[in-house]
Amino acid sequence: MAIVEEIIVPDVHMRCKDVYSALKGLITKDTDRVFLVGDLKNDINYSRIEELLPEGAKRLTSDLIETAKGLESIIKSEYGGSSQELIRSLQDGSAPPSVKDAFERHASILKELSDVEDGVFAKESYEDYRVHEEWLSAIRKEYGVSIYGVPGNHDTSFLSSQVESVDWLIPGQSLREEGIIGAFGCHPENGGEVNPAFNGPNLKYAPPIDDSLSLDESPVYDSFKDSDVDLIVTHSGPDIGPLRESKNGKIPAMAGLTALVKEKGPVVYEGHMHGGIVYKCPDSGAHIIRPGVNHIARVKRDGNKLLRVELYKI
């Protein structure tokens, strides 16, 4: 195996200037690849959707805005302003009934908008993704570096067609022959981490669901269980060690990715949870690298052997 130097860009969440300016400062002649681990977008902007909607659908969006305001109030008063903490409480079952009811009402109104034409949601996504494309296409042109990525749960299915400067590993898996696979790793049954606020009515615009809470139902495990895997690039990572602890308990991870990591012992680049961690599994030898939203990581590795990790503050 050849030694490679790679850069891991964390969840961007529309912080394009800060994140991509920091990335530019880290790319050198030795940089072989840049990886994005998802969540380029924030939530779908339903106020923007309302502006694009035909008249007959606007009543629903008015109701939607009201329920969104209610959720914002709950997030501020109960979760310190962190929507991630709200999702975690829904995942680990600690959310009180009133919070669950507010979330479910918001989701039910979103589902009623399922007959809205795709073009409206595509235009909403484009307003965000075009900013990423402008930055990333300029970076590719200036530095000649290859950029790869996977979607996050805040992303929509329009990602790959609207951010064309990135080689999206889902579903193409263009690096499979090099022992590198891409994964999404999120699931609607996992406490709402895939939900209408991020992915549209009936989850119509969600990234491809590639894993499951049951190993027997995991597409990603079925696809790669017999393959050589040195590196997994995923939005949501495996259930390895202390990686998925929150203040309210443990957040479940998908079975397929967890099994692949335990069996193959690869290096894993991941996002999703906003805290950073570098961890070696004592059983499998796998290394998990999650920069966290406040850092970019520069990694040197030789196949599945981690040689060096450097974290740079954004």
C-alpha atoms as a PDB file:
ATOM      1  CA  MET A   1       0.000   0.000   0.000  1.00  0.00           C
ATOM      2  CA  ALA A   2       1.135   3.547  -0.700  1.00  0.00           C
ATOM      3  CA  ILE A   3       1.233   6.132   2.059  1.00  0.00           C
ATOM      4  CA  VAL A   4      -1.371   8.846   1.451  1.00  0.00           C
ATOM      5  CA  GLU A   5      -2.161  12.194   3.031  1.00  0.00           C
ATOM      6  CA  GLU A   6      -5.841  13.085   3.283  1.00  0.00           C
ATOM      7  CA  ILE A   7      -7.881  15.937   4.725  1.00  0.00           C
ATOM      8  CA  ILE A   8     -11.216  15.395   6.485  1.00  0.00           C
ATOM      9  CA  VAL A   9     -13.684  18.276   6.309  1.00  0.00           C
ATOM     10  CA  PRO A  10     -16.336  18.056   9.067  1.00  0.00           C
ATOM     11  CA  ASP A  11     -20.058  18.845   8.863  1.00  0.00           C
ATOM     12  CA  VAL A  12     -20.132  22.259   7.179  1.00  0.00           C
ATOM     13  CA  HIS A  13     -23.714  23.381   7.971  1.00  0.00           C
ATOM     14  CA  MET A  14     -23.425  26.381   5.617  1.00  0.00           C
ATOM     15  CA  ARG A  15     -20.305  27.772   7.322  1.00  0.00           C
ATOM     16  CA  CYS A  16     -18.774  27.876   3.859  1.00  0.00           C
ATOM     17  CA  LYS A  17     -16.409  30.823   4.230  1.00  0.00           C
ATOM     18  CA  ASP A  18     -14.973  29.680   7.574  1.00  0.00           C
ATOM     19  CA  VAL A  19     -14.630  25.992   6.719  1.00  0.00           C
ATOM     20  CA  TYR A  20     -13.424  26.255   3.142  1.00  0.00           C
ATOM     21  CA  SER A  21     -11.020  29.106   3.899  1.00  0.00           C
ATOM     22  CA  ALA A  22      -9.486  26.895   6.590  1.00  0.00           C
ATOM     23  CA  LEU A  23      -9.331  24.008   4.114  1.00  0.00           C
ATOM     24  CA  LYS A  24      -7.446  26.133   1.595  1.00  0.00           C
ATOM     25  CA  GLY A  25      -4.826  26.877   4.217  1.00  0.00           C
ATOM     26  CA  LEU A  26      -4.187  23.163   4.794  1.00  0.00           C
ATOM     27  CA  ILE A  27      -3.887  21.823   1.240  1.00  0.00           C
ATOM     28  CA  THR A  28      -0.277  21.234   0.196  1.00  0.00           C
ATOM     29  CA  LYS A  29       1.509  19.488  -2.651  1.00  0.00           C
ATOM     30  CA  ASP A  30       1.411  16.341  -0.506  1.00  0.00           C
ATOM     31  CA  THR A  31      -2.397  16.302  -0.194  1.00  0.00           C
ATOM     32  CA  ASP A  32      -3.749  13.302  -2.088  1.00  0.00           C
ATOM     33  CA  ARG A  33      -7.458  13.698  -1.349  1.00  0.00           C
ATOM     34  CA  VAL A  34     -10.014  15.769   0.499  1.00  0.00           C
ATOM     35  CA  PHE A  35     -13.037  14.041   2.050  1.00  0.00           C
ATOM     36  CA  LEU A  36     -16.330  15.693   3.040  1.00  0.00           C
ATOM     37  CA  VAL A  37     -18.302  13.743   5.665  1.00  0.00           C
ATOM     38  CA  GLY A  38     -21.700  15.327   4.960  1.00  0.00           C
ATOM     39  CA  ASP A  39     -24.172  17.874   6.328  1.00  0.00           C
ATOM     40  CA  LEU A  40     -23.337  20.634   3.894  1.00  0.00           C
ATOM     41  CA  LYS A  41     -26.855  22.016   4.438  1.00  0.00           C
ATOM     42  CA  ASN A  42     -28.897  22.945   7.475  1.00  0.00           C
ATOM     43  CA  ASP A  43     -32.621  22.185   7.731  1.00  0.00           C
ATOM     44  CA  ILE A  44     -34.831  22.736   4.698  1.00  0.00           C
ATOM     45  CA  ASN A  45     -35.879  26.388   4.669  1.00  0.00           C
ATOM     46  CA  TYR A  46     -39.654  26.114   4.531  1.00  0.00           C
ATOM     47  CA  SER A  47     -40.065  29.879   4.366  1.00  0.00           C
ATOM     48  CA  ARG A  48     -38.166  29.685   1.091  1.00  0.00           C
ATOM     49  CA  ILE A  49     -40.340  26.747   0.029  1.00  0.00           C
ATOM     50  CA  GLU A  50     -43.433  28.848   0.725  1.00  0.00           C
ATOM     51  CA  GLU A  51     -42.174  31.565  -1.611  1.00  0.00           C
ATOM     52  CA  LEU A  52     -41.743  28.983  -4.363  1.00  0.00           C
ATOM     53  CA  LEU A  53     -45.018  27.135  -3.789  1.00  0.00           C
ATOM     54  CA  PRO A  54     -48.168  27.445  -5.881  1.00  0.00           C
ATOM     55  CA  GLU A  55     -50.960  29.309  -4.063  1.00  0.00           C
ATOM     56  CA  GLY A  56     -52.938  26.204  -3.088  1.00  0.00           C
ATOM     57  CA  ALA A  57     -50.140  24.809  -0.955  1.00  0.00           C
ATOM     58  CA  LYS A  58     -49.308  27.932   1.020  1.00  0.00           C
ATOM     59  CA  ARG A  59     -51.791  27.325   3.854  1.00  0.00           C
ATOM     60  CA  LEU A  60     -49.884  24.231   4.880  1.00  0.00           C
ATOM     61  CA  THR A  61     -46.617  26.109   4.992  1.00  0.00           C
ATOM     62  CA  SER A  62     -48.174  28.743   7.256  1.00  0.00           C
ATOM     63  CA  ASP A  63     -49.061  25.953   9.694  1.00  0.00           C
ATOM     64  CA  LEU A  64     -45.600  24.547   9.228  1.00  0.00           C
ATOM     65  CA  ILE A  65     -43.929  27.823  10.120  1.00  0.00           C
ATOM     66  CA  GLU A  66     -45.963  27.960  13.335  1.00  0.00           C
ATOM     67  CA  THR A  67     -44.927  24.457  14.373  1.00  0.00           C
ATOM     68  CA  ALA A  68     -41.322  25.265  13.442  1.00  0.00           C
ATOM     69  CA  LYS A  69     -41.439  28.298  15.734  1.00  0.00           C
ATOM     70  CA  GLY A  70     -42.754  26.064  18.503  1.00  0.00           C
ATOM     71  CA  LEU A  71     -39.850  23.677  18.016  1.00  0.00           C
ATOM     72  CA  GLU A  72     -37.380  26.567  18.003  1.00  0.00           C
ATOM     73  CA  SER A  73     -38.788  27.729  21.335  1.00  0.00           C
ATOM     74  CA  ILE A  74     -38.424  24.222  22.771  1.00  0.00           C
ATOM     75  CA  ILE A  75     -34.858  23.955  21.495  1.00  0.00           C
ATOM     76  CA  LYS A  76     -33.922  27.260  23.115  1.00  0.00           C
ATOM     77  CA  SER A  77     -35.641  26.633  26.444  1.00  0.00           C
ATOM     78  CA  GLU A  78     -35.025  22.900  26.894  1.00  0.00           C
ATOM     79  CA  TYR A  79     -31.888  22.128  24.885  1.00  0.00           C
ATOM     80  CA  GLY A  80     -29.695  25.197  25.179  1.00  0.00           C
ATOM     81  CA  GLY A  81     -30.323  26.197  21.569  1.00  0.00           C
ATOM     82  CA  SER A  82     -28.969  22.930  20.162  1.00  0.00           C
ATOM     83  CA  SER A  83     -31.160  21.109  17.637  1.00  0.00           C
ATOM     84  CA  GLN A  84     -28.637  18.263  17.849  1.00  0.00           C
ATOM     85  CA  GLU A  85     -29.519  17.792  21.527  1.00  0.00           C
ATOM     86  CA  LEU A  86     -33.219  17.654  20.623  1.00  0.00           C
ATOM     87  CA  ILE A  87     -32.524  14.891  18.110  1.00  0.00           C
ATOM     88  CA  ARG A  88     -30.403  13.057  20.662  1.00  0.00           C
ATOM     89  CA  SER A  89     -33.209  13.158  23.235  1.00  0.00           C
ATOM     90  CA  LEU A  90     -35.603  11.704  20.666  1.00  0.00           C
ATOM     91  CA  GLN A  91     -33.045   9.027  19.818  1.00  0.00           C
ATOM     92  CA  ASP A  92     -32.312   7.936  23.354  1.00  0.00           C
ATOM     93  CA  GLY A  93     -35.934   8.200  24.555  1.00  0.00           C
ATOM     94  CA  SER A  94     -35.387  10.963  27.114  1.00  0.00           C
ATOM     95  CA  ALA A  95     -37.583  13.566  25.352  1.00  0.00           C
ATOM     96  CA  PRO A  96     -40.744  14.341  27.379  1.00  0.00           C
ATOM     97  CA  PRO A  97     -44.170  13.671  25.796  1.00  0.00           C
ATOM     98  CA  SER A  98     -44.764  17.376  25.053  1.00  0.00           C
ATOM     99  CA  VAL A  99     -41.562  17.541  23.002  1.00  0.00           C
ATOM    100  CA  LYS A 100     -42.399  14.337  21.135  1.00  0.00           C
ATOM    101  CA  ASP A 101     -45.892  15.695  20.384  1.00  0.00           C
ATOM    102  CA  ALA A 102     -44.495  18.986  19.039  1.00  0.00           C
ATOM    103  CA  PHE A 103     -42.014  17.152  16.848  1.00  0.00           C
ATOM    104  CA  GLU A 104     -44.636  14.710  15.543  1.00  0.00           C
ATOM    105  CA  ARG A 105     -47.109  17.508  14.757  1.00  0.00           C
ATOM    106  CA  HIS A 106     -44.427  19.324  12.793  1.00  0.00           C
ATOM    107  CA  ALA A 107     -43.606  16.110  10.939  1.00  0.00           C
ATOM    108  CA  SER A 108     -47.266  15.377  10.170  1.00  0.00           C
ATOM    109  CA  ILE A 109     -47.744  18.766   8.511  1.00  0.00           C
ATOM    110  CA  LEU A 110     -44.593  18.190   6.519  1.00  0.00           C
ATOM    111  CA  LYS A 111     -46.028  14.918   5.249  1.00  0.00           C
ATOM    112  CA  GLU A 112     -49.099  16.737   3.946  1.00  0.00           C
ATOM    113  CA  LEU A 113     -46.842  18.647   1.616  1.00  0.00           C
ATOM    114  CA  SER A 114     -45.843  15.441  -0.151  1.00  0.00           C
ATOM    115  CA  ASP A 115     -47.662  16.393  -3.343  1.00  0.00           C
ATOM    116  CA  VAL A 116     -45.528  19.485  -3.871  1.00  0.00           C
ATOM    117  CA  GLU A 117     -43.531  19.147  -7.058  1.00  0.00           C
ATOM    118  CA  ASP A 118     -39.882  18.165  -6.847  1.00  0.00           C
ATOM    119  CA  GLY A 119     -38.780  21.343  -8.568  1.00  0.00           C
ATOM    120  CA  VAL A 120     -39.694  23.483  -5.563  1.00  0.00           C
ATOM    121  CA  PHE A 121     -37.466  21.477  -3.246  1.00  0.00           C
ATOM    122  CA  ALA A 122     -34.712  21.302  -5.855  1.00  0.00           C
ATOM    123  CA  LYS A 123     -34.689  25.095  -6.066  1.00  0.00           C
ATOM    124  CA  GLU A 124     -34.567  25.375  -2.267  1.00  0.00           C
ATOM    125  CA  SER A 125     -31.556  23.053  -2.119  1.00  0.00           C
ATOM    126  CA  TYR A 126     -29.843  24.843  -4.977  1.00  0.00           C
ATOM    127  CA  GLU A 127     -29.795  28.128  -3.076  1.00  0.00           C
ATOM    128  CA  ASP A 128     -27.579  26.444  -0.474  1.00  0.00           C
ATOM    129  CA  TYR A 129     -25.613  23.990  -2.579  1.00  0.00           C
ATOM    130  CA  ARG A 130     -24.568  26.536  -5.198  1.00  0.00           C
ATOM    131  CA  VAL A 131     -22.520  28.307  -2.505  1.00  0.00           C
ATOM    132  CA  HIS A 132     -20.646  25.076  -1.758  1.00  0.00           C
ATOM    133  CA  GLU A 133     -20.117  24.430  -5.456  1.00  0.00           C
ATOM    134  CA  GLU A 134     -18.615  27.885  -5.964  1.00  0.00           C
ATOM    135  CA  TRP A 135     -16.091  27.323  -3.170  1.00  0.00           C
ATOM    136  CA  LEU A 136     -15.248  23.720  -4.018  1.00  0.00           C
ATOM    137  CA  SER A 137     -14.912  24.219  -7.764  1.00  0.00           C
ATOM    138  CA  ALA A 138     -12.525  27.110  -7.076  1.00  0.00           C
ATOM    139  CA  ILE A 139     -10.489  24.955  -4.671  1.00  0.00           C
ATOM    140  CA  ARG A 140     -10.220  22.138  -7.217  1.00  0.00           C
ATOM    141  CA  LYS A 141      -9.137  24.568  -9.902  1.00  0.00           C
ATOM    142  CA  GLU A 142      -6.564  26.334  -7.719  1.00  0.00           C
ATOM    143  CA  TYR A 143      -5.013  23.286  -6.044  1.00  0.00           C
ATOM    144  CA  GLY A 144      -5.785  20.432  -8.439  1.00  0.00           C
ATOM    145  CA  VAL A 145      -6.865  18.249  -5.535  1.00  0.00           C
ATOM    146  CA  SER A 146      -9.461  15.473  -5.775  1.00  0.00           C
ATOM    147  CA  ILE A 147     -12.488  15.965  -3.518  1.00  0.00           C
ATOM    148  CA  TYR A 148     -14.708  13.077  -2.420  1.00  0.00           C
ATOM    149  CA  GLY A 149     -17.711  13.010  -0.127  1.00  0.00           C
ATOM    150  CA  VAL A 150     -20.738  11.349   1.404  1.00  0.00           C
ATOM    151  CA  PRO A 151     -24.104  12.952   2.254  1.00  0.00           C
ATOM    152  CA  GLY A 152     -25.257  13.774   5.771  1.00  0.00           C
ATOM    153  CA  ASN A 153     -28.718  13.557   7.264  1.00  0.00           C
ATOM    154  CA  HIS A 154     -29.196  17.311   6.770  1.00  0.00           C
ATOM    155  CA  ASP A 155     -28.515  16.889   3.051  1.00  0.00           C
ATOM    156  CA  THR A 156     -31.021  16.213   0.295  1.00  0.00           C
ATOM    157  CA  SER A 157     -30.954  13.931  -2.713  1.00  0.00           C
ATOM    158  CA  PHE A 158     -30.142  16.950  -4.905  1.00  0.00           C
ATOM    159  CA  LEU A 159     -26.631  17.093  -3.451  1.00  0.00           C
ATOM    160  CA  SER A 160     -24.771  15.136  -6.113  1.00  0.00           C
ATOM    161  CA  SER A 161     -26.371  16.962  -9.042  1.00  0.00           C
ATOM    162  CA  GLN A 162     -25.901  20.418  -7.526  1.00  0.00           C
ATOM    163  CA  VAL A 163     -22.389  20.059  -6.069  1.00  0.00           C
ATOM    164  CA  GLU A 164     -20.676  18.547  -9.087  1.00  0.00           C
ATOM    165  CA  SER A 165     -17.080  19.313  -8.113  1.00  0.00           C
ATOM    166  CA  VAL A 166     -17.218  16.490  -5.561  1.00  0.00           C
ATOM    167  CA  ASP A 167     -17.004  12.800  -6.421  1.00  0.00           C
ATOM    168  CA  TRP A 168     -19.830  11.495  -4.214  1.00  0.00           C
ATOM    169  CA  LEU A 169     -19.037   7.972  -3.051  1.00  0.00           C
ATOM    170  CA  ILE A 170     -22.732   7.159  -2.702  1.00  0.00           C
ATOM    171  CA  PRO A 171     -23.856   5.448  -4.830  1.00  0.00           C
ATOM    172  CA  GLY A 172     -20.869   5.423  -7.193  1.00  0.00           C
ATOM    173  CA  GLN A 173     -18.227   3.955  -4.825  1.00  0.00           C
ATOM    174  CA  SER A 174     -15.514   5.105  -7.234  1.00  0.00           C
ATOM    175  CA  LEU A 175     -12.699   4.242  -4.782  1.00  0.00           C
ATOM    176  CA  ARG A 176     -13.858   0.707  -4.028  1.00  0.00           C
ATOM    177  CA  GLU A 177     -10.949  -0.878  -5.906  1.00  0.00           C
ATOM    178  CA  GLU A 178      -8.592   1.011  -3.581  1.00  0.00           C
ATOM    179  CA  GLY A 179     -10.271  -0.407  -0.487  1.00  0.00           C
ATOM    180  CA  ILE A 180     -12.190   2.801   0.238  1.00  0.00           C
ATOM    181  CA  ILE A 181     -15.972   2.810   0.634  1.00  0.00           C
ATOM    182  CA  GLY A 182     -18.510   5.534   1.325  1.00  0.00           C
ATOM    183  CA  ALA A 183     -21.547   5.224   3.589  1.00  0.00           C
ATOM    184  CA  PHE A 184     -24.428   7.317   4.890  1.00  0.00           C
ATOM    185  CA  GLY A 185     -25.129   5.381   8.088  1.00  0.00           C
ATOM    186  CA  CYS A 186     -28.313   7.205   9.158  1.00  0.00           C
ATOM    187  CA  HIS A 187     -31.822   5.790   9.397  1.00  0.00           C
ATOM    188  CA  PRO A 188     -35.322   7.261   9.976  1.00  0.00           C
ATOM    189  CA  GLU A 189     -35.958   4.747  12.771  1.00  0.00           C
ATOM    190  CA  ASN A 190     -32.959   6.003  14.703  1.00  0.00           C
ATOM    191  CA  GLY A 191     -34.703   8.751  16.685  1.00  0.00           C
ATOM    192  CA  GLY A 192     -35.527  11.023  13.778  1.00  0.00           C
ATOM    193  CA  GLU A 193     -32.005  11.587  12.465  1.00  0.00           C
ATOM    194  CA  VAL A 194     -33.577  11.272   9.005  1.00  0.00           C
ATOM    195  CA  ASN A 195     -36.760  13.344   9.129  1.00  0.00           C
ATOM    196  CA  PRO A 196     -38.958  15.722   7.111  1.00  0.00           C
ATOM    197  CA  ALA A 197     -37.331  18.861   8.517  1.00  0.00           C
ATOM    198  CA  PHE A 198     -34.095  17.822   6.809  1.00  0.00           C
ATOM    199  CA  ASN A 199     -35.255  15.580   3.986  1.00  0.00           C
ATOM    200  CA  GLY A 200     -38.710  16.735   2.888  1.00  0.00           C
ATOM    201  CA  PRO A 201     -42.230  15.300   3.086  1.00  0.00           C
ATOM    202  CA  ASN A 202     -42.241  11.519   3.547  1.00  0.00           C
ATOM    203  CA  LEU A 203     -38.430  11.702   3.479  1.00  0.00           C
ATOM    204  CA  LYS A 204     -38.749  12.016  -0.278  1.00  0.00           C
ATOM    205  CA  TYR A 205     -35.420  13.809  -0.666  1.00  0.00           C
ATOM    206  CA  ALA A 206     -33.344  11.828   1.837  1.00  0.00           C
ATOM    207  CA  PRO A 207     -29.978  10.356   0.824  1.00  0.00           C
ATOM    208  CA  PRO A 208     -30.086   6.605   0.074  1.00  0.00           C
ATOM    209  CA  ILE A 209     -30.644   4.611   3.273  1.00  0.00           C
ATOM    210  CA  ASP A 210     -27.771   2.115   3.241  1.00  0.00           C
ATOM    211  CA  ASP A 211     -27.794   0.545   6.704  1.00  0.00           C
ATOM    212  CA  SER A 212     -30.183  -0.856   9.290  1.00  0.00           C
ATOM    213  CA  LEU A 213     -30.539  -1.532  12.989  1.00  0.00           C
ATOM    214  CA  SER A 214     -30.633  -5.205  11.929  1.00  0.00           C
ATOM    215  CA  LEU A 215     -27.522  -6.735  10.358  1.00  0.00           C
ATOM    216  CA  ASP A 216     -29.657  -9.022   8.188  1.00  0.00           C
ATOM    217  CA  GLU A 217     -31.257  -5.948   6.591  1.00  0.00           C
ATOM    218  CA  SER A 218     -28.086  -3.900   6.029  1.00  0.00           C
ATOM    219  CA  PRO A 219     -27.310  -3.092   2.365  1.00  0.00           C
ATOM    220  CA  VAL A 220     -23.858  -1.701   3.163  1.00  0.00           C
ATOM    221  CA  TYR A 221     -22.848  -4.848   5.035  1.00  0.00           C
ATOM    222  CA  ASP A 222     -24.196  -7.109   2.310  1.00  0.00           C
ATOM    223  CA  SER A 223     -22.287  -5.121  -0.331  1.00  0.00           C
ATOM    224  CA  PHE A 224     -18.887  -5.087   1.373  1.00  0.00           C
ATOM    225  CA  LYS A 225     -18.734  -8.046   3.781  1.00  0.00           C
ATOM    226  CA  ASP A 226     -16.557  -9.979   1.318  1.00  0.00           C
ATOM    227  CA  SER A 227     -14.429  -7.005   0.204  1.00  0.00           C
ATOM    228  CA  ASP A 228     -11.094  -5.649   1.379  1.00  0.00           C
ATOM    229  CA  VAL A 229     -11.845  -2.432   3.246  1.00  0.00           C
ATOM    230  CA  ASP A 230      -9.037  -0.137   4.425  1.00  0.00           C
ATOM    231  CA  LEU A 231     -11.031   3.081   4.828  1.00  0.00           C
ATOM    232  CA  ILE A 232     -14.696   3.839   5.459  1.00  0.00           C
ATOM    233  CA  VAL A 233     -15.886   7.396   4.882  1.00  0.00           C
ATOM    234  CA  THR A 234     -19.294   7.794   6.502  1.00  0.00           C
ATOM    235  CA  HIS A 235     -21.551  10.464   7.897  1.00  0.00           C
ATOM    236  CA  SER A 236     -22.695   8.493  10.935  1.00  0.00           C
ATOM    237  CA  GLY A 237     -20.157   6.117  12.402  1.00  0.00           C
ATOM    238  CA  PRO A 238     -20.177   2.676  14.016  1.00  0.00           C
ATOM    239  CA  ASP A 239     -20.952   1.724  17.599  1.00  0.00           C
ATOM    240  CA  ILE A 240     -17.325   1.380  18.650  1.00  0.00           C
ATOM    241  CA  GLY A 241     -16.067   2.273  22.125  1.00  0.00           C
ATOM    242  CA  PRO A 242     -17.260   5.523  23.760  1.00  0.00           C
ATOM    243  CA  LEU A 243     -18.031   7.216  20.465  1.00  0.00           C
ATOM    244  CA  ARG A 244     -21.786   7.582  20.707  1.00  0.00           C
ATOM    245  CA  GLU A 245     -22.279   8.724  24.280  1.00  0.00           C
ATOM    246  CA  SER A 246     -24.445  11.771  24.967  1.00  0.00           C
ATOM    247  CA  LYS A 247     -25.447  13.427  28.212  1.00  0.00           C
ATOM    248  CA  ASN A 248     -28.732  11.492  28.052  1.00  0.00           C
ATOM    249  CA  GLY A 249     -27.301   8.059  27.334  1.00  0.00           C
ATOM    250  CA  LYS A 250     -26.071   6.078  24.370  1.00  0.00           C
ATOM    251  CA  ILE A 251     -27.247   6.815  20.839  1.00  0.00           C
ATOM    252  CA  PRO A 252     -27.683   3.652  18.756  1.00  0.00           C
ATOM    253  CA  ALA A 253     -25.599   3.107  15.635  1.00  0.00           C
ATOM    254  CA  MET A 254     -26.365   1.066  12.560  1.00  0.00           C
ATOM    255  CA  ALA A 255     -25.546  -2.643  12.613  1.00  0.00           C
ATOM    256  CA  GLY A 256     -23.888  -3.003   9.212  1.00  0.00           C
ATOM    257  CA  LEU A 257     -21.198  -0.369   9.646  1.00  0.00           C
ATOM    258  CA  THR A 258     -20.493  -1.578  13.159  1.00  0.00           C
ATOM    259  CA  ALA A 259     -20.000  -5.149  11.927  1.00  0.00           C
ATOM    260  CA  LEU A 260     -17.781  -4.088   9.023  1.00  0.00           C
ATOM    261  CA  VAL A 261     -15.519  -2.084  11.316  1.00  0.00           C
ATOM    262  CA  LYS A 262     -15.251  -4.891  13.858  1.00  0.00           C
ATOM    263  CA  GLU A 263     -14.503  -7.464  11.157  1.00  0.00           C
ATOM    264  CA  LYS A 264     -12.231  -5.446   8.849  1.00  0.00           C
ATOM    265  CA  GLY A 265     -10.377  -3.126  11.260  1.00  0.00           C
ATOM    266  CA  PRO A 266     -10.266  -0.154   8.862  1.00  0.00           C
ATOM    267  CA  VAL A 267      -9.645   3.531   9.395  1.00  0.00           C
ATOM    268  CA  VAL A 268     -12.975   5.398   9.641  1.00  0.00           C
ATOM    269  CA  TYR A 269     -13.579   9.068   8.812  1.00  0.00           C
ATOM    270  CA  GLU A 270     -16.939  10.212  10.193  1.00  0.00           C
ATOM    271  CA  GLY A 271     -19.099  13.232  11.040  1.00  0.00           C
ATOM    272  CA  HIS A 272     -22.674  13.584  12.367  1.00  0.00           C
ATOM    273  CA  MET A 273     -21.985  13.920  16.092  1.00  0.00           C
ATOM    274  CA  HIS A 274     -20.498  17.354  16.632  1.00  0.00           C
ATOM    275  CA  GLY A 275     -17.880  16.461  19.236  1.00  0.00           C
ATOM    276  CA  GLY A 276     -14.499  15.332  17.969  1.00  0.00           C
ATOM    277  CA  ILE A 277     -12.672  12.120  18.827  1.00  0.00           C
ATOM    278  CA  VAL A 278      -9.712  10.025  17.707  1.00  0.00           C
ATOM    279  CA  TYR A 279     -10.078   6.479  18.984  1.00  0.00           C
ATOM    280  CA  LYS A 280      -8.468   3.079  18.435  1.00  0.00           C
ATOM    281  CA  CYS A 281     -10.631   0.014  18.986  1.00  0.00           C
ATOM    282  CA  PRO A 282      -8.580  -2.394  21.128  1.00  0.00           C
ATOM    283  CA  ASP A 283     -10.340  -5.439  19.689  1.00  0.00           C
ATOM    284  CA  SER A 284     -10.329  -4.801  15.928  1.00  0.00           C
ATOM    285  CA  GLY A 285      -7.505  -2.268  15.685  1.00  0.00           C
ATOM    286  CA  ALA A 286      -9.820   0.087  13.783  1.00  0.00           C
ATOM    287  CA  HIS A 287      -9.124   3.801  14.104  1.00  0.00           C
ATOM    288  CA  ILE A 288     -12.073   6.210  14.246  1.00  0.00           C
ATOM    289  CA  ILE A 289     -11.425   9.843  13.329  1.00  0.00           C
ATOM    290  CA  ARG A 290     -14.205  12.378  13.820  1.00  0.00           C
ATOM    291  CA  PRO A 291     -12.832  15.931  13.654  1.00  0.00           C
ATOM    292  CA  GLY A 292     -15.949  17.468  15.213  1.00  0.00           C
ATOM    293  CA  VAL A 293     -17.509  20.596  13.777  1.00  0.00           C
ATOM    294  CA  ASN A 294     -14.763  22.904  15.039  1.00  0.00           C
ATOM    295  CA  HIS A 295     -11.763  21.183  13.462  1.00  0.00           C
ATOM    296  CA  ILE A 296     -10.404  19.916  10.153  1.00  0.00           C
ATOM    297  CA  ALA A 297      -8.222  16.799  10.296  1.00  0.00           C
ATOM    298  CA  ARG A 298      -5.149  16.021   8.230  1.00  0.00           C
ATOM    299  CA  VAL A 299      -4.345  12.314   8.196  1.00  0.00           C
ATOM    300  CA  LYS A 300      -1.460  10.216   6.947  1.00  0.00           C
ATOM    301  CA  ARG A 301      -2.219   6.520   6.523  1.00  0.00           C
ATOM    302  CA  ASP A 302      -0.918   3.399   4.836  1.00  0.00           C
ATOM    303  CA  GLY A 303      -3.914   1.227   3.947  1.00  0.00           C
ATOM    304  CA  ASN A 304      -5.688   0.560   7.230  1.00  0.00           C
ATOM    305  CA  LYS A 305      -2.673   1.674   9.264  1.00  0.00           C
ATOM    306  CA  LEU A 306      -3.022   5.142  10.760  1.00  0.00           C
ATOM    307  CA  LEU A 307       0.335   6.919  10.790  1.00  0.00           C
ATOM    308  CA  ARG A 308      -0.529  10.443  11.924  1.00  0.00           C
ATOM    309  CA  VAL A 309      -3.491  12.697  12.736  1.00  0.00           C
ATOM    310  CA  GLU A 310      -3.344  16.482  12.994  1.00  0.00           C
ATOM    311  CA  LEU A 311      -6.351  18.576  14.057  1.00  0.00           C
ATOM    312  CA  TYR A 312      -6.640  22.213  12.998  1.00  0.00           C
ATOM    313  CA  LYS A 313      -9.167  24.595  14.529  1.00  0.00           C
ATOM    314  CA  ILE A 314     -11.575  26.255  12.115  1.00  0.00           C
END
